[in-house]
Protein backbone atom coordinates (compact mmCIF):
# COMPACT_ATOMS: atom_id res chain seq x y z
CA MET A 1 -8.16 2.83 2.15
CA PHE A 2 -6.08 -0.21 1.16
CA ARG A 3 -3.54 2.02 -0.58
CA LYS A 4 -3.18 4.07 2.60
CA LEU A 5 -2.75 0.88 4.60
CA VAL A 6 -0.04 -0.35 2.24
CA SER A 7 1.78 2.96 2.62
CA VAL A 8 1.66 2.85 6.42
CA SER A 9 2.42 -0.87 6.61
CA GLY A 10 5.32 -0.62 4.18
CA PHE A 11 7.16 2.05 6.13
CA THR A 12 6.17 0.46 9.42
CA LEU A 13 7.57 -2.84 8.18
CA LEU A 14 10.82 -1.05 7.33
CA SER A 15 10.80 0.38 10.86
CA ARG A 16 10.24 -3.06 12.35
CA LEU A 17 13.05 -4.53 10.25
CA THR A 18 15.48 -1.84 11.37
CA GLY A 19 14.18 -2.40 14.89
CA PHE A 20 14.77 -6.12 14.46
CA ALA A 21 18.37 -5.42 13.47
CA ARG A 22 18.72 -3.01 16.39
CA ASP A 23 17.43 -5.55 18.90
CA ALA A 24 19.64 -8.30 17.50
CA LEU A 25 22.62 -5.99 17.94
CA LEU A 26 21.45 -5.10 21.46
CA ALA A 27 21.31 -8.79 22.35
CA TRP A 28 24.73 -9.37 20.83
CA THR A 29 26.45 -6.51 22.66
CA LEU A 30 24.51 -6.22 25.94
CA GLY A 31 23.72 -9.89 26.50
CA GLY A 32 20.99 -10.83 28.98
CA GLY A 33 22.45 -9.60 32.27
CA ILE A 34 22.95 -6.36 34.23
CA LEU A 35 23.75 -4.07 31.27
CA ALA A 36 20.64 -5.18 29.40
CA ASP A 37 18.37 -4.99 32.44
CA ALA A 38 19.57 -1.45 33.26
CA PHE A 39 19.15 -0.20 29.70
CA PHE A 40 15.69 -1.66 29.17
CA VAL A 41 14.41 -0.06 32.38
CA ALA A 42 15.85 3.29 31.23
CA PHE A 43 14.27 2.72 27.81
CA ILE A 44 10.82 2.47 29.42
CA PHE A 45 10.70 6.23 29.93
CA PRO A 46 10.92 7.47 26.33
CA ASN A 47 8.79 4.57 25.10
CA ASN A 48 6.00 4.62 27.66
CA PHE A 49 5.77 8.25 28.69
CA ARG A 50 5.34 8.92 24.98
CA ALA A 51 2.09 6.97 25.26
CA ILE A 52 0.82 9.71 27.60
CA PHE A 53 2.14 12.79 25.82
CA GLY A 54 2.45 11.32 22.33
CA GLU A 55 0.37 9.08 20.09
CA GLY A 56 -1.64 7.71 23.00
CA THR A 57 -3.26 11.09 23.64
CA ILE A 58 -2.59 13.23 20.56
CA ASN A 59 -4.26 10.76 18.20
CA PRO A 60 -7.57 10.30 20.07
CA ALA A 61 -7.84 13.78 21.64
CA PHE A 62 -6.32 16.00 18.93
CA LEU A 63 -6.55 14.19 15.59
CA PRO A 64 -10.38 13.81 15.31
CA ARG A 65 -10.91 17.53 16.06
CA TYR A 66 -8.14 18.64 13.72
CA ALA A 67 -9.37 16.27 10.98
CA ALA A 68 -12.96 17.51 11.36
CA LEU A 69 -11.84 21.16 10.94
CA ARG A 70 -9.84 20.24 7.84
CA ALA A 71 -12.76 18.19 6.43
CA ARG A 72 -15.03 21.26 6.75
CA GLY A 73 -12.48 23.45 4.95
CA GLU A 74 -11.55 25.47 8.06
CA GLU A 75 -7.80 25.30 7.49
CA LYS A 76 -6.88 28.48 9.37
CA ALA A 77 -8.86 27.37 12.40
CA ALA A 78 -7.17 23.96 12.22
CA ALA A 79 -3.70 25.57 12.13
CA LYS A 80 -4.54 27.86 15.07
CA PHE A 81 -5.86 24.91 17.06
CA ALA A 82 -2.70 22.88 16.34
CA ASN A 83 -0.39 25.70 17.47
CA GLU A 84 -2.31 26.21 20.69
CA ILE A 85 -2.14 22.51 21.53
CA PHE A 86 1.58 22.48 20.74
CA ALA A 87 2.21 25.37 23.15
CA TRP A 88 0.55 23.56 26.05
CA GLN A 89 2.26 20.29 25.19
CA MET A 90 5.69 21.93 25.11
CA ALA A 91 5.17 23.62 28.49
CA ALA A 92 4.19 20.30 30.07
CA GLN A 93 7.13 18.48 28.50
CA ILE A 94 9.72 20.99 29.73
CA LEU A 95 8.40 20.75 33.28
CA LEU A 96 8.38 16.97 33.14
CA LEU A 97 11.95 16.82 31.82
CA VAL A 98 13.26 19.04 34.65
CA LEU A 99 11.47 17.07 37.36
CA ALA A 100 12.47 13.69 35.95
CA THR A 101 16.13 14.68 35.71
CA ILE A 102 16.20 15.84 39.34
CA PHE A 103 14.23 12.98 40.86
CA MET A 104 15.40 10.06 38.69
CA PRO A 105 17.00 8.12 41.63
CA GLN A 106 13.71 8.21 43.51
CA ILE A 107 11.78 7.16 40.39
CA ILE A 108 14.07 4.17 39.77
CA SER A 109 13.90 3.26 43.46
CA VAL A 110 10.14 2.82 43.09
CA LEU A 111 10.14 1.38 39.58
CA ALA A 112 12.79 -1.29 40.19
CA SER A 113 12.57 -1.70 43.95
CA GLY A 114 14.14 -5.15 43.76
CA TRP A 115 17.41 -3.54 42.65
CA ARG A 116 17.93 -1.37 45.75
CA GLY A 117 20.36 -3.97 47.09
CA ASP A 118 22.37 -3.94 43.85
CA PRO A 119 24.08 -0.50 43.72
CA GLU A 120 25.88 -1.22 40.44
CA ARG A 121 22.72 -2.01 38.50
CA PHE A 122 20.69 0.71 40.28
CA ASN A 123 23.17 3.55 39.67
CA LEU A 124 23.74 2.52 36.07
CA THR A 125 19.98 2.57 35.45
CA VAL A 126 19.68 6.10 36.89
CA ARG A 127 22.47 7.41 34.65
CA LEU A 128 21.05 5.74 31.54
CA ALA A 129 17.54 7.02 32.25
CA ARG A 130 18.81 10.61 32.45
CA ILE A 131 20.38 10.15 29.02
CA THR A 132 17.28 8.65 27.38
CA PHE A 133 14.58 10.87 28.92
CA PRO A 134 15.15 13.93 26.66
CA TYR A 135 14.03 11.77 23.74
CA LEU A 136 10.48 12.39 24.91
CA ILE A 137 10.56 16.15 24.31
CA LEU A 138 12.39 15.69 21.02
CA THR A 139 9.53 13.59 19.66
CA LEU A 140 6.80 16.03 20.66
CA VAL A 141 6.89 17.84 17.31
CA ALA A 142 7.18 14.56 15.43
CA VAL A 143 4.12 13.10 17.11
CA GLN A 144 1.88 16.13 16.53
CA LEU A 145 3.02 16.74 12.96
CA SER A 146 2.45 13.03 12.26
CA ALA A 147 -1.15 13.38 13.44
CA MET A 148 -1.61 16.44 11.23
CA LEU A 149 -0.16 14.63 8.22
CA ASN A 150 -2.44 11.64 8.87
CA ALA A 151 -5.44 13.99 8.95
CA ILE A 152 -4.71 15.06 5.36
CA ASP A 153 -4.14 11.47 4.21
CA LYS A 154 -0.35 11.75 4.15
CA PHE A 155 0.66 8.66 6.10
CA TRP A 156 4.12 7.75 4.85
CA ALA A 157 6.19 10.23 6.88
CA ALA A 158 4.43 9.40 10.14
CA ALA A 159 5.15 5.72 9.52
CA ALA A 160 8.76 6.33 8.43
CA TRP A 161 10.17 8.59 11.14
CA SER A 162 10.63 5.88 13.78
CA ASN A 163 13.34 4.32 11.57
CA PHE A 164 15.73 7.09 12.54
CA GLN A 165 15.89 6.05 16.18
CA ASN A 166 16.67 2.47 15.15
CA LEU A 167 19.39 3.60 12.77
CA ALA A 168 20.94 5.91 15.35
CA MET A 169 21.02 3.12 17.94
CA ILE A 170 22.57 0.72 15.43
CA ALA A 171 25.29 3.27 14.72
CA THR A 172 26.11 3.89 18.40
CA LEU A 173 26.04 0.18 19.20
CA ILE A 174 28.48 -0.55 16.39
CA ALA A 175 30.73 2.16 17.88
CA TRP A 176 30.12 1.09 21.50
CA HIS A 177 33.87 0.96 22.24
CA TRP A 178 33.80 4.78 22.19
CA PHE A 179 31.42 4.77 25.19
CA PRO A 180 31.93 3.62 28.82
CA ASN A 181 30.06 0.43 27.91
CA ALA A 182 27.47 -0.86 25.42
CA ALA A 183 24.54 0.26 27.60
CA TYR A 184 25.72 3.89 27.38
CA ALA A 185 26.04 3.51 23.62
CA ALA A 186 22.44 2.31 23.38
CA ALA A 187 21.15 5.12 25.61
CA TRP A 188 22.89 7.84 23.59
CA GLY A 189 21.55 6.22 20.43
CA VAL A 190 18.00 6.76 21.73
CA THR A 191 18.49 10.50 22.21
CA LEU A 192 20.44 11.03 18.98
CA GLY A 193 17.65 9.17 17.19
CA GLY A 194 15.18 11.68 18.59
CA VAL A 195 17.19 14.54 17.06
CA ALA A 196 17.19 12.79 13.67
CA GLN A 197 13.44 12.13 13.87
CA LEU A 198 12.75 15.77 14.64
CA ILE A 199 14.73 16.98 11.61
CA PHE A 200 12.98 14.49 9.30
CA ILE A 201 9.41 15.25 10.38
CA LEU A 202 9.98 19.03 10.14
CA TRP A 203 11.06 18.49 6.53
CA ALA A 204 8.07 16.22 5.79
CA GLY A 205 5.60 18.67 7.33
CA ALA A 206 7.09 21.62 5.45
CA ARG A 207 6.60 19.76 2.14
CA GLU A 208 2.85 19.72 2.84
CA GLY A 209 2.70 23.27 4.21
CA LEU A 210 2.29 22.13 7.82
CA TRP A 211 4.15 23.92 10.61
CA LEU A 212 3.97 24.22 14.37
CA THR A 213 4.68 27.70 15.73
CA PHE A 214 5.92 28.49 19.24
CA THR A 215 3.40 30.62 21.13
CA TRP A 216 2.63 31.38 24.77
CA PRO A 217 0.01 28.90 26.08
CA ARG A 218 -3.44 30.54 25.97
CA TRP A 219 -6.85 29.35 27.06
CA SER A 220 -9.85 29.17 24.73
CA PRO A 221 -13.10 27.15 24.49
CA GLU A 222 -11.45 24.85 21.93
CA ILE A 223 -8.50 24.26 24.27
CA GLY A 224 -10.96 23.57 27.08
CA ALA A 225 -12.72 20.93 24.97
CA PHE A 226 -9.38 19.42 24.03
CA PHE A 227 -8.19 19.20 27.62
CA LYS A 228 -11.44 17.60 28.67
CA ALA A 229 -10.81 14.89 26.09
CA PHE A 230 -7.10 14.89 26.84
CA GLY A 231 -7.70 14.38 30.54
CA ALA A 232 -9.91 11.38 29.88
CA VAL A 233 -7.49 9.86 27.38
CA THR A 234 -4.54 10.51 29.69
CA ILE A 235 -6.14 8.36 32.37
CA GLY A 236 -6.41 5.52 29.90
CA ALA A 237 -2.91 6.14 28.54
CA ALA A 238 -1.55 6.28 32.08
CA MET A 239 -3.08 2.90 32.79
CA VAL A 240 -1.37 1.53 29.69
CA VAL A 241 1.91 3.04 30.94
CA ILE A 242 1.38 1.75 34.49
CA SER A 243 1.20 -1.80 33.16
CA PRO A 244 4.84 -1.98 31.92
CA PHE A 245 5.92 -0.24 35.11
CA ILE A 246 4.20 -2.98 37.08
CA ASP A 247 5.90 -5.51 34.79
CA THR A 248 9.27 -3.95 35.58
CA LEU A 249 8.54 -3.94 39.32
CA LEU A 250 7.58 -7.62 39.26
CA ALA A 251 10.51 -8.56 37.04
CA SER A 252 12.92 -6.78 39.40
CA TRP A 253 12.14 -9.47 41.99
CA LEU A 254 12.71 -12.29 39.51
CA PRO A 255 16.13 -13.67 38.42
CA THR A 256 18.57 -11.39 36.57
CA GLY A 257 17.61 -11.05 32.92
CA SER A 258 13.85 -11.26 33.49
CA ARG A 259 13.22 -7.65 32.42
CA THR A 260 15.32 -8.30 29.33
CA ALA A 261 13.31 -11.45 28.52
CA LEU A 262 10.07 -9.47 28.72
CA TYR A 263 11.47 -6.81 26.42
CA TYR A 264 12.48 -9.25 23.68
CA GLY A 265 9.26 -11.25 23.96
CA ASP A 266 7.26 -8.07 23.56
CA ARG A 267 9.43 -6.84 20.68
CA ILE A 268 8.80 -9.93 18.57
CA ASN A 269 5.11 -9.73 19.42
CA GLN A 270 5.15 -6.07 18.38
CA LEU A 271 6.52 -6.91 14.92
CA PRO A 272 3.19 -7.98 13.38
CA LEU A 273 1.28 -5.73 15.77
CA GLY A 274 3.09 -2.62 14.61
CA VAL A 275 3.16 -3.49 10.92
CA LEU A 276 -0.44 -4.71 10.66
CA GLY A 277 -2.54 -3.87 13.71
CA MET A 278 -1.31 -0.38 14.50
CA ALA A 279 -1.20 0.54 10.81
CA LEU A 280 -4.89 -0.30 10.48
CA GLY A 281 -5.73 1.81 13.52
CA THR A 282 -3.65 4.71 12.20
CA VAL A 283 -5.52 4.76 8.89
CA LEU A 284 -8.94 4.00 10.34
CA LEU A 285 -9.33 6.82 12.90
CA PRO A 286 -9.00 9.79 10.49
CA GLU A 287 -11.09 7.86 7.94
CA MET A 288 -13.96 7.35 10.41
CA SER A 289 -13.62 10.89 11.82
CA ALA A 290 -13.90 12.47 8.36
CA ARG A 291 -16.83 10.26 7.33
CA LEU A 292 -18.78 10.92 10.52
CA ALA A 293 -18.12 14.67 10.20
CA LYS A 294 -19.87 14.46 6.81
CA GLY A 295 -22.72 12.31 8.18
CA ASP A 296 -21.59 9.12 6.40
CA THR A 297 -22.29 6.60 9.18
CA LYS A 298 -22.65 3.71 6.75
CA GLY A 299 -19.23 4.40 5.25
CA SER A 300 -17.73 4.64 8.71
CA HIS A 301 -19.11 1.20 9.67
CA ALA A 302 -17.87 -0.31 6.40
CA ALA A 303 -14.35 1.02 6.93
CA GLN A 304 -14.27 -0.33 10.47
CA ASN A 305 -15.49 -3.80 9.51
CA HIS A 306 -12.97 -4.05 6.67
CA SER A 307 -10.22 -3.09 9.09
CA ALA A 308 -11.35 -5.61 11.71
CA ALA A 309 -11.56 -8.42 9.15
CA ILE A 310 -8.12 -7.82 7.70
CA SER A 311 -6.67 -7.39 11.20
CA LEU A 312 -7.70 -10.89 12.24
CA LEU A 313 -6.66 -12.34 8.89
CA LEU A 314 -3.14 -11.01 9.36
CA THR A 315 -2.57 -11.38 13.13
CA LEU A 316 -4.09 -14.80 13.91
CA PRO A 317 -1.32 -16.72 12.05
CA PHE A 318 1.35 -14.96 14.11
CA MET A 319 -0.52 -15.75 17.32
CA ILE A 320 -0.51 -19.47 16.52
CA ALA A 321 3.15 -19.43 15.46
CA PHE A 322 4.23 -17.62 18.63
CA ILE A 323 2.44 -20.22 20.73
CA VAL A 324 3.74 -23.35 18.94
CA ILE A 325 7.39 -22.47 18.16
CA PRO A 326 8.52 -19.69 20.54
CA ASP A 327 11.78 -21.45 21.43
CA THR A 328 12.78 -21.79 17.80
CA ILE A 329 12.00 -18.12 17.10
CA MET A 330 13.90 -16.81 20.08
CA GLY A 331 16.80 -19.23 19.66
CA ALA A 332 17.34 -18.11 16.07
CA TYR A 333 16.90 -14.44 16.92
CA LEU A 334 18.77 -14.02 20.20
CA ALA A 335 21.12 -16.89 21.03
CA HIS A 336 24.25 -15.30 19.60
CA GLY A 337 27.19 -13.33 20.97
CA ALA A 338 26.75 -12.43 24.64
CA PHE A 339 23.16 -13.73 24.72
CA ARG A 340 22.86 -17.28 26.09
CA HIS A 341 20.33 -20.02 25.26
CA GLU A 342 18.95 -19.93 28.81
CA ALA A 343 18.08 -16.25 28.42
CA ALA A 344 16.51 -16.96 25.01
CA GLY A 345 14.35 -19.63 26.67
CA ALA A 346 12.96 -17.09 29.15
CA ALA A 347 12.20 -14.70 26.28
CA ALA A 348 10.41 -17.55 24.47
CA ALA A 349 8.10 -18.07 27.48
CA ALA A 350 7.22 -14.37 27.38
CA LEU A 351 6.62 -14.46 23.60
CA ALA A 352 4.21 -17.42 23.81
CA ALA A 353 2.16 -15.67 26.48
CA TYR A 354 2.16 -12.31 24.70
CA GLY A 355 1.12 -14.04 21.48
CA ILE A 356 -2.17 -15.14 23.04
CA GLY A 357 -3.23 -11.50 23.14
CA LEU A 358 -1.80 -10.37 19.80
CA PRO A 359 -5.08 -10.21 17.81
CA ALA A 360 -6.77 -8.38 20.69
CA MET A 361 -3.95 -5.84 20.92
CA ALA A 362 -4.51 -5.04 17.24
CA MET A 363 -8.31 -4.94 17.60
CA ILE A 364 -8.28 -2.49 20.52
CA ARG A 365 -7.38 0.45 18.28
CA ILE A 366 -9.98 -0.58 15.69
CA VAL A 367 -12.84 -0.98 18.17
CA SER A 368 -11.92 2.12 20.20
CA SER A 369 -12.15 4.19 17.00
CA THR A 370 -15.93 3.72 17.36
CA PHE A 371 -15.78 6.20 20.24
CA TYR A 372 -12.76 8.39 19.45
CA ALA A 373 -14.15 9.25 16.01
CA ARG A 374 -17.27 10.56 17.80
CA HIS A 375 -15.13 12.58 20.25
CA ASP A 376 -16.05 10.20 23.07
CA THR A 377 -12.80 9.66 24.95
CA MET A 378 -14.24 8.52 28.27
CA THR A 379 -15.66 5.17 27.16
CA PRO A 380 -12.33 3.72 25.97
CA VAL A 381 -10.75 5.02 29.18
CA ARG A 382 -13.25 3.18 31.36
CA ALA A 383 -12.70 0.00 29.37
CA THR A 384 -8.92 0.39 29.65
CA VAL A 385 -9.04 1.00 33.40
CA MET A 386 -11.20 -2.09 33.99
CA ALA A 387 -9.08 -4.29 31.72
CA MET A 388 -5.76 -3.08 33.15
CA THR A 389 -6.95 -3.49 36.73
CA LEU A 390 -7.80 -7.11 35.98
CA SER A 391 -4.50 -7.53 34.12
CA ILE A 392 -2.39 -6.24 37.01
CA GLY A 393 -4.20 -8.46 39.49
CA LEU A 394 -3.62 -11.48 37.27
CA LYS A 395 0.08 -10.68 36.86
CA ILE A 396 0.60 -10.57 40.62
CA PHE A 397 -1.30 -13.85 41.02
CA PHE A 398 0.53 -15.58 38.16
CA VAL A 399 3.99 -14.49 39.37
CA TRP A 400 3.69 -14.85 43.13
CA GLY A 401 0.78 -17.26 43.34
CA LEU A 402 1.49 -19.69 40.49
CA HIS A 403 5.23 -18.91 40.14
CA MET A 404 4.95 -18.53 36.35
CA GLY A 405 7.80 -16.02 36.11
CA VAL A 406 7.98 -13.78 33.03
CA GLY A 407 5.37 -15.94 31.29
CA GLY A 408 2.87 -14.96 33.98
CA ILE A 409 3.54 -11.25 33.48
CA ALA A 410 3.02 -11.56 29.72
CA ALA A 411 -0.09 -13.72 30.16
CA GLY A 412 -1.67 -11.02 32.32
CA THR A 413 -1.09 -8.51 29.54
CA ALA A 414 -2.70 -10.82 26.96
CA ILE A 415 -5.81 -11.47 29.03
CA GLY A 416 -6.16 -7.76 29.72
CA ALA A 417 -6.12 -7.03 25.98
CA TRP A 418 -8.93 -9.50 25.26
CA THR A 419 -10.92 -8.07 28.17
CA ASN A 420 -10.54 -4.56 26.77
CA VAL A 421 -11.82 -5.62 23.33
CA GLY A 422 -14.76 -7.45 24.89
CA ILE A 423 -15.82 -4.45 26.98
CA LEU A 424 -15.55 -1.99 24.08
CA THR A 425 -17.46 -4.28 21.72
CA TRP A 426 -20.24 -4.84 24.26
CA ILE A 427 -20.65 -1.10 24.92
CA GLY A 428 -20.51 -0.21 21.23
CA ARG A 429 -23.19 -2.77 20.37
CA ASN A 430 -25.39 -1.69 23.27
CA ARG A 431 -25.28 1.94 22.15
CA ASP A 432 -25.86 0.99 18.51
CA LEU A 433 -22.56 2.61 17.53
CA LEU A 434 -20.73 -0.52 16.40
CA ALA A 435 -22.12 -2.65 13.56
CA ILE A 436 -20.78 -6.14 12.87
CA GLU A 437 -21.34 -6.57 9.13
CA LYS A 438 -21.21 -9.49 6.70
CA ILE A 439 -17.74 -8.71 5.40
CA PHE A 440 -16.34 -9.36 8.88
CA LEU A 441 -18.40 -12.49 9.59
CA HIS A 442 -17.75 -14.04 6.17
CA ALA A 443 -13.99 -13.60 6.58
CA LEU A 444 -13.80 -15.37 9.98
CA PRO A 445 -13.81 -19.05 8.85
CA GLY A 446 -11.09 -18.51 6.26
CA SER A 447 -9.00 -16.44 8.69
CA LEU A 448 -9.19 -19.11 11.40
CA LEU A 449 -8.38 -22.00 9.06
CA ALA A 450 -5.49 -20.06 7.51
CA ALA A 451 -4.08 -19.40 10.98
CA LEU A 452 -4.33 -23.08 11.93
CA ALA A 453 -2.64 -24.12 8.68
CA CYS A 454 0.12 -21.61 9.37
CA GLY A 455 0.62 -22.96 12.90
CA ALA A 456 0.72 -26.58 11.74
CA GLY A 457 3.26 -25.72 9.05
CA ALA A 458 5.41 -23.78 11.53
CA TRP A 459 5.41 -26.67 14.01
CA ALA A 460 6.25 -29.22 11.30
CA GLY A 461 9.06 -27.16 9.81
CA ALA A 462 10.62 -26.37 13.20
CA ASN A 463 10.58 -30.00 14.35
CA LEU A 464 11.79 -31.49 11.07
CA PHE A 465 14.84 -29.24 10.91
CA GLN A 466 15.60 -28.71 14.62
CA ALA A 467 18.67 -30.94 14.40
CA HIS A 468 20.20 -28.45 11.95
CA GLY A 469 20.00 -25.54 14.42
CA ASP A 470 17.48 -22.86 15.28
CA VAL A 471 18.14 -20.70 12.23
CA ALA A 472 17.53 -23.57 9.79
CA ALA A 473 14.49 -24.70 11.79
CA LEU A 474 13.00 -21.21 11.73
CA ALA A 475 13.60 -20.85 7.99
CA ALA A 476 11.84 -24.18 7.35
CA ALA A 477 8.99 -23.20 9.68
CA VAL A 478 8.45 -19.91 7.86
CA LEU A 479 8.48 -21.60 4.44
CA ILE A 480 6.06 -24.42 5.29
CA ALA A 481 3.80 -22.12 7.33
CA GLY A 482 3.65 -19.67 4.44
CA LEU A 483 2.67 -22.42 2.00
CA GLY A 484 -0.11 -23.65 4.27
CA TYR A 485 -1.40 -20.14 4.91
CA GLY A 486 -1.34 -19.26 1.22
CA ALA A 487 -3.18 -22.44 0.24
CA VAL A 488 -6.08 -21.68 2.60
CA LEU A 489 -6.24 -18.07 1.42
CA LEU A 490 -6.50 -19.33 -2.14
CA VAL A 491 -9.44 -21.58 -1.26
CA PHE A 492 -11.28 -18.83 0.65
CA ARG A 493 -10.22 -15.92 -1.56
CA ASN A 494 -13.80 -14.90 -2.42
CA ARG A 495 -14.75 -14.55 1.25
CA LEU A 496 -11.72 -12.54 2.35
CA PRO A 497 -11.57 -8.72 2.47
CA ILE A 498 -8.23 -7.91 0.87
CA ARG A 499 -9.42 -7.10 -2.66
CA ARG A 500 -12.36 -5.08 -1.41
CA MET A 501 -10.12 -2.86 0.71
CA ALA A 502 -8.81 -1.08 -2.38
C-alpha cells in the first residue's frame, strides 16, 4: 500500500507544484482586484461542479462496485457496467452544459449578488464562466477512467492528469497579451487544459486495455443500484459544492479582493491536503473495497488505521505552520507583481483559519471509506449535510455577527470538517464498522510532538529572518521546522507507521 501511496503522492506533488507555479503567475498577472475576483468566481464552476459529476460521486458510487466486479474476475460485466454509467453521465453533462451556457447571467446574479451594482465585474464574470464551463464535460472521461485505473491498482495516471490543466494555464498566462486581458487568458487555459487531460487519460487507459464506449443510456438493475447510491452521494457532494458558493456569496459583500483571498488561502491549504490526505483516500477506498469483497475485514481495518495514522503524521505539522506563520507564507508566495501586501494579508487570515481544519479535511475521506467500501453511501451524506449546515450557519455568524471577514468564512469551513469527522467516527464505532487499532494510537504522541516541533521551528525561523524579507524568512522557517520535525520523528521512529506501510 505504501508503494501505491508514493506513486499517487509523487504525481500529486508534481501537480501541486505546477499548480503552485500557476497560482503565482495568476497573482502576478491578475493581481488581487476585479480581474482576479471575476476569474475565481468563473473558476468555481469547473472545480466544484466536478465534485458532483466527477470524483465526488464517481469514486464512492461507481468505484467500489466496479472494483468488486474486477476482484471477482467478472471483467466483462465490469466493462459493461462502466459503459452504461458513462452513457448516463454524458447525457447529464450535455444537458447541464446547454442550460448553464444559456442561464449564466442568472446564475452569476445569484452566486455573486453583491456584484449586481458593478456591471464591469458582473459581465466579465459571466463571459469568463461561459469559457470555463465546458471543462466539466471534457473531464468526464478522465474522471471515470481514473476510477477504473485505480480499481486495478494503476494510480499514477489518475494522479498525473491534473498537471495538464496547470500547464495549459501557465502557457496562456505567459501569452496573456494575445487575449483581451489576463483573466480571459486564464479562462481559456482552463478549457484547453481539459482537452489536454482528455487526450492523456485516453492514452493511459488504452495502455491498460480500458476504454469507455458511447452507447444510448439504458436502464438495468445494476444502473438502478448505482443511481440509488449516486443520488445519495450527490446530495452530499452538492452540500460540499454549496459551501464554496455560500463563501462566494458572502465574499461578494466584503471588500474587493475577498474572493481572491479565499482562493489563495484555500490553495495553500490544499497543497498538503492534495498531496497527502487525498492521496491516502484515493488508495484506501479500492483497497478496502477489494478486501471486504473477499471477506478480509481485518485487513480492511488495518489498511484504514495505517492510513489514518500517516495522515495525521503528515498533516498536523502543516496545520501548526499555517496557524503560526501565515503572513510570512503568503507574503513570500503572493506579494509580487500586481499583487499587493494588503491583499496577501487577507489571504494569510484565510490560510490560518483553513489550516485549523486541515487534518480533518484529510481524515474525512479515510473515515468515510468505512461506509463507501460497504456500498453505504447514505451515512456519509447525512454526516456531510449536518456538518455543512453547521458550517454555513457559523460562516454567516462569523462574517456578519463577529465581522471576521474572510477569516470567518474559512473558520466555518474548518469547524465543519472536524464536525464531519466526529460524526462519521461516532457512527462507525457505534455500528462496529470502524476499529481504532494500536498502530493509530501508538503513533499519536509522536505525531503531535513532531507537529509542535515543526511549528516552533517555523515561528523561530520566520521571526529571526523577517528583517531580510518574506522569502528569506520563509526559507529559514522551512529549514528550522524541518530539522525539528525530523528530530522528533527520529526519536519516535519505532512508534510511527511509515515503515509498516510498505
